[in-house]
């Protein structure tokens, strides 16, 4: 049964909000029947966000599972619907189309048609570096930024401090932790960094492993290849439902990438040779795109004068 009362209420709210603040459209998405898609809205974590959907189908096309500023959208019937997110006076929406799953072929009379497990990717990849407020922890490296201040902290495998740097991206100054003396407040050694190094810090290069990979560069230059051919489904990394791309031995190396659909950042990758020998591994353990206050693991009183 349609949620008629809720639908009418949401329609009324949508009209009111549209008159005051307008609506922000998010890229449409297509999902196979029975599968789910996670929409992480741009509303700050902890915001009171209300989700609903508006459609004219006989039956509900999707069902929603709300989690703070995130909603898991599951396709339960074929059709198209408009999923809406309300937060205060702001309204964000995206069109969601649910399509039939692909099926495989049969090879004999009387055999049932088996479902093809191949997942179809209908997204669009784009790398958009996080800005201003973020926190990422890989276990050995912590990167945290508020405004123009970027903290980079390296920890050894035993938990001891490797190095600890604070960059001012506005003034191009860098302060480095020098043991017992703390930060050197006189030196501006960061001014000796090359321009591309500052650009890498500004665009947060540590998470562009996929965008900057030889694999992605190669398929971009080869019209015969499509990124969708390497899509292997979705998996959760650091609380984010990521796109998974498996190169399947492309160029002699079998690389898998776990990518945040909202910004193209690579939260995990695993590289092996075609013979199966382990090559590379990396995974984000803590991931926060709405980091608003310094936490003790990156902030210390000794950098008060700098911040």
C-alpha atoms as a PDB file:
ATOM      1  CA  UNK A   1       0.000   0.000   0.000  1.00  0.00           C
ATOM      2  CA  UNK A   2       1.186   3.458  -0.757  1.00  0.00           C
ATOM      3  CA  UNK A   3       2.036   5.688   2.155  1.00  0.00           C
ATOM      4  CA  UNK A   4      -0.597   8.196   1.067  1.00  0.00           C
ATOM      5  CA  UNK A   5      -0.615  10.389   4.145  1.00  0.00           C
ATOM      6  CA  UNK A   6       3.178  10.553   4.287  1.00  0.00           C
ATOM      7  CA  UNK A   7       3.317  11.235   0.567  1.00  0.00           C
ATOM      8  CA  UNK A   8       0.895  14.149   0.822  1.00  0.00           C
ATOM      9  CA  UNK A   9       2.830  15.560   3.776  1.00  0.00           C
ATOM     10  CA  UNK A  10       6.142  15.296   1.980  1.00  0.00           C
ATOM     11  CA  UNK A  11       4.683  16.877  -1.153  1.00  0.00           C
ATOM     12  CA  UNK A  12       3.416  19.786   0.928  1.00  0.00           C
ATOM     13  CA  UNK A  13       6.805  20.154   2.625  1.00  0.00           C
ATOM     14  CA  UNK A  14       8.574  19.969  -0.695  1.00  0.00           C
ATOM     15  CA  UNK A  15       6.439  22.773  -2.100  1.00  0.00           C
ATOM     16  CA  UNK A  16       7.092  24.940   0.953  1.00  0.00           C
ATOM     17  CA  UNK A  17      10.815  24.316   0.931  1.00  0.00           C
ATOM     18  CA  UNK A  18      11.018  24.865  -2.809  1.00  0.00           C
ATOM     19  CA  UNK A  19       9.504  28.307  -2.310  1.00  0.00           C
ATOM     20  CA  UNK A  20      11.973  29.209   0.445  1.00  0.00           C
ATOM     21  CA  UNK A  21      15.273  27.578  -0.393  1.00  0.00           C
ATOM     22  CA  UNK A  22      14.738  25.529  -3.544  1.00  0.00           C
ATOM     23  CA  UNK A  23      15.808  21.986  -4.123  1.00  0.00           C
ATOM     24  CA  UNK A  24      19.275  20.595  -4.794  1.00  0.00           C
ATOM     25  CA  UNK A  25      19.397  17.742  -7.287  1.00  0.00           C
ATOM     26  CA  UNK A  26      21.910  14.923  -6.796  1.00  0.00           C
ATOM     27  CA  UNK A  27      23.031  12.686  -9.670  1.00  0.00           C
ATOM     28  CA  UNK A  28      20.411  10.029 -10.544  1.00  0.00           C
ATOM     29  CA  UNK A  29      21.178   6.381  -9.911  1.00  0.00           C
ATOM     30  CA  UNK A  30      20.006   3.069 -11.392  1.00  0.00           C
ATOM     31  CA  UNK A  31      20.042  -0.140  -9.328  1.00  0.00           C
ATOM     32  CA  UNK A  32      19.028  -3.728 -10.104  1.00  0.00           C
ATOM     33  CA  UNK A  33      15.910  -5.087  -8.393  1.00  0.00           C
ATOM     34  CA  UNK A  34      16.662  -6.446  -4.926  1.00  0.00           C
ATOM     35  CA  UNK A  35      19.961  -4.580  -4.536  1.00  0.00           C
ATOM     36  CA  UNK A  36      20.779  -1.576  -2.381  1.00  0.00           C
ATOM     37  CA  UNK A  37      22.527   1.749  -2.860  1.00  0.00           C
ATOM     38  CA  UNK A  38      23.891   3.924  -0.051  1.00  0.00           C
ATOM     39  CA  UNK A  39      23.368   7.671  -0.380  1.00  0.00           C
ATOM     40  CA  UNK A  40      25.650   9.679   1.926  1.00  0.00           C
ATOM     41  CA  UNK A  41      24.197  13.184   1.797  1.00  0.00           C
ATOM     42  CA  UNK A  42      26.314  16.300   2.086  1.00  0.00           C
ATOM     43  CA  UNK A  43      24.495  17.297   5.269  1.00  0.00           C
ATOM     44  CA  UNK A  44      26.919  17.281   8.244  1.00  0.00           C
ATOM     45  CA  UNK A  45      27.155  14.120  10.327  1.00  0.00           C
ATOM     46  CA  UNK A  46      24.747  14.334  13.256  1.00  0.00           C
ATOM     47  CA  UNK A  47      22.228  16.463  11.376  1.00  0.00           C
ATOM     48  CA  UNK A  48      18.539  15.634  11.743  1.00  0.00           C
ATOM     49  CA  UNK A  49      17.762  14.443   8.225  1.00  0.00           C
ATOM     50  CA  UNK A  50      14.368  13.066   7.147  1.00  0.00           C
ATOM     51  CA  UNK A  51      14.169  10.846   4.065  1.00  0.00           C
ATOM     52  CA  UNK A  52      11.159   9.899   1.965  1.00  0.00           C
ATOM     53  CA  UNK A  53      10.265   9.187  -1.647  1.00  0.00           C
ATOM     54  CA  UNK A  54       7.766  10.582  -4.117  1.00  0.00           C
ATOM     55  CA  UNK A  55       6.468   8.505  -7.031  1.00  0.00           C
ATOM     56  CA  UNK A  56       3.335   7.758  -9.039  1.00  0.00           C
ATOM     57  CA  UNK A  57       3.757   3.978  -9.243  1.00  0.00           C
ATOM     58  CA  UNK A  58       1.118   1.519  -8.096  1.00  0.00           C
ATOM     59  CA  UNK A  59       3.560  -0.028  -5.646  1.00  0.00           C
ATOM     60  CA  UNK A  60       6.523   1.400  -3.786  1.00  0.00           C
ATOM     61  CA  UNK A  61       9.658   1.173  -5.926  1.00  0.00           C
ATOM     62  CA  UNK A  62      12.142   1.433  -3.058  1.00  0.00           C
ATOM     63  CA  UNK A  63      12.360   1.024   0.671  1.00  0.00           C
ATOM     64  CA  UNK A  64      14.541   3.243   2.828  1.00  0.00           C
ATOM     65  CA  UNK A  65      16.754   2.536   5.827  1.00  0.00           C
ATOM     66  CA  UNK A  66      17.783   5.814   7.437  1.00  0.00           C
ATOM     67  CA  UNK A  67      21.041   6.228   9.363  1.00  0.00           C
ATOM     68  CA  UNK A  68      21.703   9.848  10.343  1.00  0.00           C
ATOM     69  CA  UNK A  69      22.739  11.753   7.210  1.00  0.00           C
ATOM     70  CA  UNK A  70      22.855   8.499   5.213  1.00  0.00           C
ATOM     71  CA  UNK A  71      20.122   6.346   3.712  1.00  0.00           C
ATOM     72  CA  UNK A  72      20.273   2.839   2.247  1.00  0.00           C
ATOM     73  CA  UNK A  73      17.934   2.659  -0.756  1.00  0.00           C
ATOM     74  CA  UNK A  74      16.782  -0.830  -1.732  1.00  0.00           C
ATOM     75  CA  UNK A  75      14.959  -1.569  -4.988  1.00  0.00           C
ATOM     76  CA  UNK A  76      11.787  -3.578  -4.313  1.00  0.00           C
ATOM     77  CA  UNK A  77       9.822  -3.007  -7.544  1.00  0.00           C
ATOM     78  CA  UNK A  78      10.551  -1.891 -11.103  1.00  0.00           C
ATOM     79  CA  UNK A  79      10.116   1.807 -11.821  1.00  0.00           C
ATOM     80  CA  UNK A  80      11.454   5.264 -11.010  1.00  0.00           C
ATOM     81  CA  UNK A  81      11.006   7.277  -7.845  1.00  0.00           C
ATOM     82  CA  UNK A  82      12.272  10.515  -6.359  1.00  0.00           C
ATOM     83  CA  UNK A  83      14.083  10.087  -3.031  1.00  0.00           C
ATOM     84  CA  UNK A  84      14.083  13.273  -0.969  1.00  0.00           C
ATOM     85  CA  UNK A  85      16.259  14.327   1.998  1.00  0.00           C
ATOM     86  CA  UNK A  86      15.033  17.134   4.263  1.00  0.00           C
ATOM     87  CA  UNK A  87      17.340  18.931   6.712  1.00  0.00           C
ATOM     88  CA  UNK A  88      16.070  22.183   8.168  1.00  0.00           C
ATOM     89  CA  UNK A  89      15.148  24.417   5.232  1.00  0.00           C
ATOM     90  CA  UNK A  90      17.279  22.439   2.780  1.00  0.00           C
ATOM     91  CA  UNK A  91      15.924  19.820   0.385  1.00  0.00           C
ATOM     92  CA  UNK A  92      18.123  17.431  -1.592  1.00  0.00           C
ATOM     93  CA  UNK A  93      16.727  14.842  -3.986  1.00  0.00           C
ATOM     94  CA  UNK A  94      17.815  12.229  -6.511  1.00  0.00           C
ATOM     95  CA  UNK A  95      15.927  10.129  -9.026  1.00  0.00           C
ATOM     96  CA  UNK A  96      16.279   6.380  -8.453  1.00  0.00           C
ATOM     97  CA  UNK A  97      15.415   3.867 -11.174  1.00  0.00           C
ATOM     98  CA  UNK A  98      15.050   0.170 -10.351  1.00  0.00           C
ATOM     99  CA  UNK A  99      15.654  -2.194 -13.270  1.00  0.00           C
ATOM    100  CA  UNK A 100      15.419  -5.967 -13.699  1.00  0.00           C
ATOM    101  CA  UNK A 101      18.468  -8.065 -12.935  1.00  0.00           C
ATOM    102  CA  UNK A 102      20.292  -9.569 -15.912  1.00  0.00           C
ATOM    103  CA  UNK A 103      19.777 -13.320 -16.360  1.00  0.00           C
ATOM    104  CA  UNK A 104      22.049 -15.959 -17.806  1.00  0.00           C
ATOM    105  CA  UNK A 105      21.407 -18.388 -20.665  1.00  0.00           C
ATOM    106  CA  UNK A 106      20.233 -21.991 -20.377  1.00  0.00           C
ATOM    107  CA  UNK A 107      22.002 -24.811 -22.154  1.00  0.00           C
ATOM    108  CA  UNK A 108      19.266 -27.463 -22.246  1.00  0.00           C
ATOM    109  CA  UNK A 109      15.530 -28.117 -22.256  1.00  0.00           C
ATOM    110  CA  UNK A 110      13.977 -28.264 -18.833  1.00  0.00           C
ATOM    111  CA  UNK A 111      16.788 -26.386 -17.106  1.00  0.00           C
ATOM    112  CA  UNK A 112      15.878 -23.339 -15.117  1.00  0.00           C
ATOM    113  CA  UNK A 113      17.362 -20.038 -16.141  1.00  0.00           C
ATOM    114  CA  UNK A 114      20.083 -19.075 -13.689  1.00  0.00           C
ATOM    115  CA  UNK A 115      20.642 -15.574 -12.499  1.00  0.00           C
ATOM    116  CA  UNK A 116      23.785 -13.905 -13.790  1.00  0.00           C
ATOM    117  CA  UNK A 117      25.771 -12.703 -10.799  1.00  0.00           C
ATOM    118  CA  UNK A 118      27.555 -10.052 -12.895  1.00  0.00           C
ATOM    119  CA  UNK A 119      26.750  -6.643 -11.417  1.00  0.00           C
ATOM    120  CA  UNK A 120      26.066  -3.777 -13.787  1.00  0.00           C
ATOM    121  CA  UNK A 121      27.661  -0.439 -12.941  1.00  0.00           C
ATOM    122  CA  UNK A 122      25.649   2.596 -13.982  1.00  0.00           C
ATOM    123  CA  UNK A 123      27.585   5.236 -12.076  1.00  0.00           C
ATOM    124  CA  UNK A 124      29.998   7.907 -13.216  1.00  0.00           C
ATOM    125  CA  UNK A 125      33.468   8.155 -11.721  1.00  0.00           C
ATOM    126  CA  UNK A 126      34.857  11.563 -10.790  1.00  0.00           C
ATOM    127  CA  UNK A 127      37.622  12.436  -8.328  1.00  0.00           C
ATOM    128  CA  UNK A 128      36.739  15.383  -6.104  1.00  0.00           C
ATOM    129  CA  UNK A 129      39.308  15.949  -3.382  1.00  0.00           C
ATOM    130  CA  UNK A 130      37.892  16.501   0.142  1.00  0.00           C
ATOM    131  CA  UNK A 131      38.187  20.084   1.321  1.00  0.00           C
ATOM    132  CA  UNK A 132      38.511  21.954   4.602  1.00  0.00           C
ATOM    133  CA  UNK A 133      37.122  19.502   7.193  1.00  0.00           C
ATOM    134  CA  UNK A 134      38.235  15.888   7.152  1.00  0.00           C
ATOM    135  CA  UNK A 135      39.948  13.188   9.189  1.00  0.00           C
ATOM    136  CA  UNK A 136      41.477   9.967   7.834  1.00  0.00           C
ATOM    137  CA  UNK A 137      43.378   7.278   9.719  1.00  0.00           C
ATOM    138  CA  UNK A 138      45.179   4.414   7.949  1.00  0.00           C
ATOM    139  CA  UNK A 139      46.687   2.929  11.096  1.00  0.00           C
ATOM    140  CA  UNK A 140      50.132   4.347  10.292  1.00  0.00           C
ATOM    141  CA  UNK A 141      49.128   7.771   9.004  1.00  0.00           C
ATOM    142  CA  UNK A 142      46.609  10.324  10.216  1.00  0.00           C
ATOM    143  CA  UNK A 143      45.553  13.266   8.055  1.00  0.00           C
ATOM    144  CA  UNK A 144      43.243  15.896   9.538  1.00  0.00           C
ATOM    145  CA  UNK A 145      42.283  19.288   8.215  1.00  0.00           C
ATOM    146  CA  UNK A 146      40.247  22.214   9.508  1.00  0.00           C
ATOM    147  CA  UNK A 147      40.258  25.322   7.345  1.00  0.00           C
ATOM    148  CA  UNK A 148      43.738  25.966   5.955  1.00  0.00           C
ATOM    149  CA  UNK A 149      45.540  23.888   8.607  1.00  0.00           C
ATOM    150  CA  UNK A 150      46.459  20.331   7.657  1.00  0.00           C
ATOM    151  CA  UNK A 151      47.983  17.958  10.206  1.00  0.00           C
ATOM    152  CA  UNK A 152      49.931  14.906   9.025  1.00  0.00           C
ATOM    153  CA  UNK A 153      51.025  12.396  11.646  1.00  0.00           C
ATOM    154  CA  UNK A 154      53.022   9.198  11.085  1.00  0.00           C
ATOM    155  CA  UNK A 155      53.050   6.354  13.607  1.00  0.00           C
ATOM    156  CA  UNK A 156      55.426   3.408  13.542  1.00  0.00           C
ATOM    157  CA  UNK A 157      54.113  -0.153  13.756  1.00  0.00           C
ATOM    158  CA  UNK A 158      54.804  -0.164  17.511  1.00  0.00           C
ATOM    159  CA  UNK A 159      52.740   3.011  17.973  1.00  0.00           C
ATOM    160  CA  UNK A 160      55.690   5.354  18.466  1.00  0.00           C
ATOM    161  CA  UNK A 161      55.770   8.695  16.668  1.00  0.00           C
ATOM    162  CA  UNK A 162      57.515   8.742  13.308  1.00  0.00           C
ATOM    163  CA  UNK A 163      56.925  12.382  12.451  1.00  0.00           C
ATOM    164  CA  UNK A 164      54.282  15.026  12.977  1.00  0.00           C
ATOM    165  CA  UNK A 165      53.801  17.983  10.641  1.00  0.00           C
ATOM    166  CA  UNK A 166      51.418  20.916  10.461  1.00  0.00           C
ATOM    167  CA  UNK A 167      50.917  22.701   7.147  1.00  0.00           C
ATOM    168  CA  UNK A 168      49.368  26.111   6.639  1.00  0.00           C
ATOM    169  CA  UNK A 169      47.998  25.803   3.111  1.00  0.00           C
ATOM    170  CA  UNK A 170      47.223  29.520   2.982  1.00  0.00           C
ATOM    171  CA  UNK A 171      50.745  30.757   3.813  1.00  0.00           C
ATOM    172  CA  UNK A 172      52.709  27.733   2.520  1.00  0.00           C
ATOM    173  CA  UNK A 173      54.449  27.271   5.858  1.00  0.00           C
ATOM    174  CA  UNK A 174      55.238  23.913   7.395  1.00  0.00           C
ATOM    175  CA  UNK A 175      56.074  23.131  11.026  1.00  0.00           C
ATOM    176  CA  UNK A 176      57.592  19.775  11.895  1.00  0.00           C
ATOM    177  CA  UNK A 177      57.748  18.032  15.243  1.00  0.00           C
ATOM    178  CA  UNK A 178      61.385  17.676  16.291  1.00  0.00           C
ATOM    179  CA  UNK A 179      61.331  15.374  19.280  1.00  0.00           C
ATOM    180  CA  UNK A 180      61.481  16.866  22.772  1.00  0.00           C
ATOM    181  CA  UNK A 181      61.591  20.412  21.455  1.00  0.00           C
ATOM    182  CA  UNK A 182      58.106  20.099  19.988  1.00  0.00           C
ATOM    183  CA  UNK A 183      57.270  22.185  16.933  1.00  0.00           C
ATOM    184  CA  UNK A 184      59.903  24.597  15.688  1.00  0.00           C
ATOM    185  CA  UNK A 185      57.924  27.841  15.622  1.00  0.00           C
ATOM    186  CA  UNK A 186      60.728  29.796  13.946  1.00  0.00           C
ATOM    187  CA  UNK A 187      61.469  27.627  10.923  1.00  0.00           C
ATOM    188  CA  UNK A 188      59.356  27.789   7.778  1.00  0.00           C
ATOM    189  CA  UNK A 189      60.965  24.831   6.039  1.00  0.00           C
ATOM    190  CA  UNK A 190      57.722  24.124   4.209  1.00  0.00           C
ATOM    191  CA  UNK A 191      58.420  27.068   1.932  1.00  0.00           C
ATOM    192  CA  UNK A 192      61.058  24.900   0.248  1.00  0.00           C
ATOM    193  CA  UNK A 193      58.440  22.398  -0.933  1.00  0.00           C
ATOM    194  CA  UNK A 194      57.981  22.192  -4.668  1.00  0.00           C
ATOM    195  CA  UNK A 195      54.727  23.669  -6.085  1.00  0.00           C
ATOM    196  CA  UNK A 196      53.380  20.222  -7.029  1.00  0.00           C
ATOM    197  CA  UNK A 197      53.890  19.084  -3.426  1.00  0.00           C
ATOM    198  CA  UNK A 198      51.688  21.906  -2.147  1.00  0.00           C
ATOM    199  CA  UNK A 199      49.158  21.108  -4.857  1.00  0.00           C
ATOM    200  CA  UNK A 200      49.184  17.493  -3.709  1.00  0.00           C
ATOM    201  CA  UNK A 201      48.463  18.585  -0.145  1.00  0.00           C
ATOM    202  CA  UNK A 202      45.690  20.948  -1.254  1.00  0.00           C
ATOM    203  CA  UNK A 203      44.008  18.237  -3.345  1.00  0.00           C
ATOM    204  CA  UNK A 204      44.693  15.535  -0.776  1.00  0.00           C
ATOM    205  CA  UNK A 205      46.691  13.271  -3.075  1.00  0.00           C
ATOM    206  CA  UNK A 206      46.945  10.389  -0.546  1.00  0.00           C
ATOM    207  CA  UNK A 207      43.388   9.341  -1.445  1.00  0.00           C
ATOM    208  CA  UNK A 208      43.663   9.655  -5.241  1.00  0.00           C
ATOM    209  CA  UNK A 209      45.286   6.225  -5.691  1.00  0.00           C
ATOM    210  CA  UNK A 210      42.561   5.191  -8.105  1.00  0.00           C
ATOM    211  CA  UNK A 211      42.347   8.464 -10.052  1.00  0.00           C
ATOM    212  CA  UNK A 212      46.137   8.517 -10.429  1.00  0.00           C
ATOM    213  CA  UNK A 213      46.580   4.782 -11.082  1.00  0.00           C
ATOM    214  CA  UNK A 214      48.138   3.522 -14.293  1.00  0.00           C
ATOM    215  CA  UNK A 215      45.084   1.292 -14.714  1.00  0.00           C
ATOM    216  CA  UNK A 216      42.602   4.186 -14.746  1.00  0.00           C
ATOM    217  CA  UNK A 217      44.853   6.318 -16.942  1.00  0.00           C
ATOM    218  CA  UNK A 218      45.171   3.426 -19.402  1.00  0.00           C
ATOM    219  CA  UNK A 219      41.476   2.746 -19.818  1.00  0.00           C
ATOM    220  CA  UNK A 220      40.824   6.457 -20.244  1.00  0.00           C
ATOM    221  CA  UNK A 221      43.180   6.482 -23.224  1.00  0.00           C
ATOM    222  CA  UNK A 222      41.752   3.273 -24.730  1.00  0.00           C
ATOM    223  CA  UNK A 223      38.240   3.751 -26.200  1.00  0.00           C
ATOM    224  CA  UNK A 224      37.777  -0.039 -26.350  1.00  0.00           C
ATOM    225  CA  UNK A 225      37.778  -0.285 -22.555  1.00  0.00           C
ATOM    226  CA  UNK A 226      35.050   0.709 -20.151  1.00  0.00           C
ATOM    227  CA  UNK A 227      35.400   1.197 -16.407  1.00  0.00           C
ATOM    228  CA  UNK A 228      32.109  -0.650 -15.970  1.00  0.00           C
ATOM    229  CA  UNK A 229      33.749  -3.834 -17.249  1.00  0.00           C
ATOM    230  CA  UNK A 230      35.865  -3.941 -14.092  1.00  0.00           C
ATOM    231  CA  UNK A 231      33.070  -3.200 -11.606  1.00  0.00           C
ATOM    232  CA  UNK A 232      32.793  -6.003  -9.024  1.00  0.00           C
ATOM    233  CA  UNK A 233      29.967  -4.743  -6.803  1.00  0.00           C
ATOM    234  CA  UNK A 234      29.808  -2.836  -3.516  1.00  0.00           C
ATOM    235  CA  UNK A 235      31.554  -3.380  -0.184  1.00  0.00           C
ATOM    236  CA  UNK A 236      31.700  -1.412   3.059  1.00  0.00           C
ATOM    237  CA  UNK A 237      35.001   0.265   3.961  1.00  0.00           C
ATOM    238  CA  UNK A 238      35.218   2.605   6.976  1.00  0.00           C
ATOM    239  CA  UNK A 239      31.420   2.817   7.045  1.00  0.00           C
ATOM    240  CA  UNK A 240      31.120   3.769   3.360  1.00  0.00           C
ATOM    241  CA  UNK A 241      29.483   1.555   0.748  1.00  0.00           C
ATOM    242  CA  UNK A 242      32.213   1.662  -1.884  1.00  0.00           C
ATOM    243  CA  UNK A 243      32.344   0.802  -5.556  1.00  0.00           C
ATOM    244  CA  UNK A 244      34.756  -2.099  -6.055  1.00  0.00           C
ATOM    245  CA  UNK A 245      36.819  -2.218  -9.259  1.00  0.00           C
ATOM    246  CA  UNK A 246      38.849  -5.361 -10.010  1.00  0.00           C
ATOM    247  CA  UNK A 247      41.400  -5.037 -12.822  1.00  0.00           C
ATOM    248  CA  UNK A 248      41.554  -8.856 -13.131  1.00  0.00           C
ATOM    249  CA  UNK A 249      45.208  -8.900 -14.168  1.00  0.00           C
ATOM    250  CA  UNK A 250      45.074  -5.809 -16.389  1.00  0.00           C
ATOM    251  CA  UNK A 251      48.669  -4.971 -17.376  1.00  0.00           C
ATOM    252  CA  UNK A 252      50.057  -7.961 -15.487  1.00  0.00           C
ATOM    253  CA  UNK A 253      48.970  -6.800 -12.033  1.00  0.00           C
ATOM    254  CA  UNK A 254      45.691  -7.739 -10.375  1.00  0.00           C
ATOM    255  CA  UNK A 255      44.585  -4.620  -8.529  1.00  0.00           C
ATOM    256  CA  UNK A 256      41.345  -4.074  -6.645  1.00  0.00           C
ATOM    257  CA  UNK A 257      40.165  -0.624  -5.640  1.00  0.00           C
ATOM    258  CA  UNK A 258      37.430   0.354  -3.182  1.00  0.00           C
ATOM    259  CA  UNK A 259      36.177   3.840  -4.107  1.00  0.00           C
ATOM    260  CA  UNK A 260      33.854   6.272  -2.314  1.00  0.00           C
ATOM    261  CA  UNK A 261      31.116   7.052  -4.899  1.00  0.00           C
ATOM    262  CA  UNK A 262      30.540  10.532  -3.442  1.00  0.00           C
ATOM    263  CA  UNK A 263      34.016  11.887  -4.239  1.00  0.00           C
ATOM    264  CA  UNK A 264      36.089   9.231  -6.020  1.00  0.00           C
ATOM    265  CA  UNK A 265      38.515   8.805  -3.112  1.00  0.00           C
ATOM    266  CA  UNK A 266      40.177   5.396  -2.893  1.00  0.00           C
ATOM    267  CA  UNK A 267      39.602   4.058   0.634  1.00  0.00           C
ATOM    268  CA  UNK A 268      41.278   0.709   0.029  1.00  0.00           C
ATOM    269  CA  UNK A 269      43.362  -1.088  -2.573  1.00  0.00           C
ATOM    270  CA  UNK A 270      44.924  -4.513  -2.880  1.00  0.00           C
ATOM    271  CA  UNK A 271      47.565  -5.370  -5.469  1.00  0.00           C
ATOM    272  CA  UNK A 272      48.931  -8.773  -6.440  1.00  0.00           C
ATOM    273  CA  UNK A 273      50.852 -10.185  -9.388  1.00  0.00           C
ATOM    274  CA  UNK A 274      49.080 -12.582 -11.728  1.00  0.00           C
ATOM    275  CA  UNK A 275      50.925 -15.370  -9.919  1.00  0.00           C
ATOM    276  CA  UNK A 276      49.175 -14.348  -6.712  1.00  0.00           C
ATOM    277  CA  UNK A 277      52.178 -12.843  -4.926  1.00  0.00           C
ATOM    278  CA  UNK A 278      51.143 -10.098  -2.511  1.00  0.00           C
ATOM    279  CA  UNK A 279      52.316  -6.659  -3.644  1.00  0.00           C
ATOM    280  CA  UNK A 280      50.482  -3.768  -2.019  1.00  0.00           C
ATOM    281  CA  UNK A 281      47.718  -3.151   0.481  1.00  0.00           C
ATOM    282  CA  UNK A 282      46.197  -0.013   1.976  1.00  0.00           C
ATOM    283  CA  UNK A 283      42.958   0.670   3.860  1.00  0.00           C
ATOM    284  CA  UNK A 284      41.385   3.656   5.549  1.00  0.00           C
ATOM    285  CA  UNK A 285      40.283   2.706   9.075  1.00  0.00           C
ATOM    286  CA  UNK A 286      38.638   5.953  10.168  1.00  0.00           C
ATOM    287  CA  UNK A 287      36.954   8.290   7.693  1.00  0.00           C
ATOM    288  CA  UNK A 288      35.248  11.567   8.569  1.00  0.00           C
ATOM    289  CA  UNK A 289      34.306  14.213   5.988  1.00  0.00           C
ATOM    290  CA  UNK A 290      32.769  16.507   8.632  1.00  0.00           C
ATOM    291  CA  UNK A 291      35.673  16.956  11.041  1.00  0.00           C
ATOM    292  CA  UNK A 292      34.898  20.181  12.916  1.00  0.00           C
ATOM    293  CA  UNK A 293      37.026  20.082  16.101  1.00  0.00           C
ATOM    294  CA  UNK A 294      40.612  18.967  16.672  1.00  0.00           C
ATOM    295  CA  UNK A 295      40.876  15.663  18.513  1.00  0.00           C
ATOM    296  CA  UNK A 296      43.681  14.705  20.946  1.00  0.00           C
ATOM    297  CA  UNK A 297      45.303  12.248  18.535  1.00  0.00           C
ATOM    298  CA  UNK A 298      46.232  15.097  16.156  1.00  0.00           C
ATOM    299  CA  UNK A 299      46.105  18.227  18.317  1.00  0.00           C
ATOM    300  CA  UNK A 300      48.432  19.172  21.160  1.00  0.00           C
ATOM    301  CA  UNK A 301      48.983  22.328  23.167  1.00  0.00           C
ATOM    302  CA  UNK A 302      52.432  22.731  21.621  1.00  0.00           C
ATOM    303  CA  UNK A 303      50.846  23.780  18.316  1.00  0.00           C
ATOM    304  CA  UNK A 304      48.568  26.402  19.860  1.00  0.00           C
ATOM    305  CA  UNK A 305      50.794  29.233  18.686  1.00  0.00           C
ATOM    306  CA  UNK A 306      50.782  27.863  15.171  1.00  0.00           C
ATOM    307  CA  UNK A 307      47.070  27.169  14.842  1.00  0.00           C
END
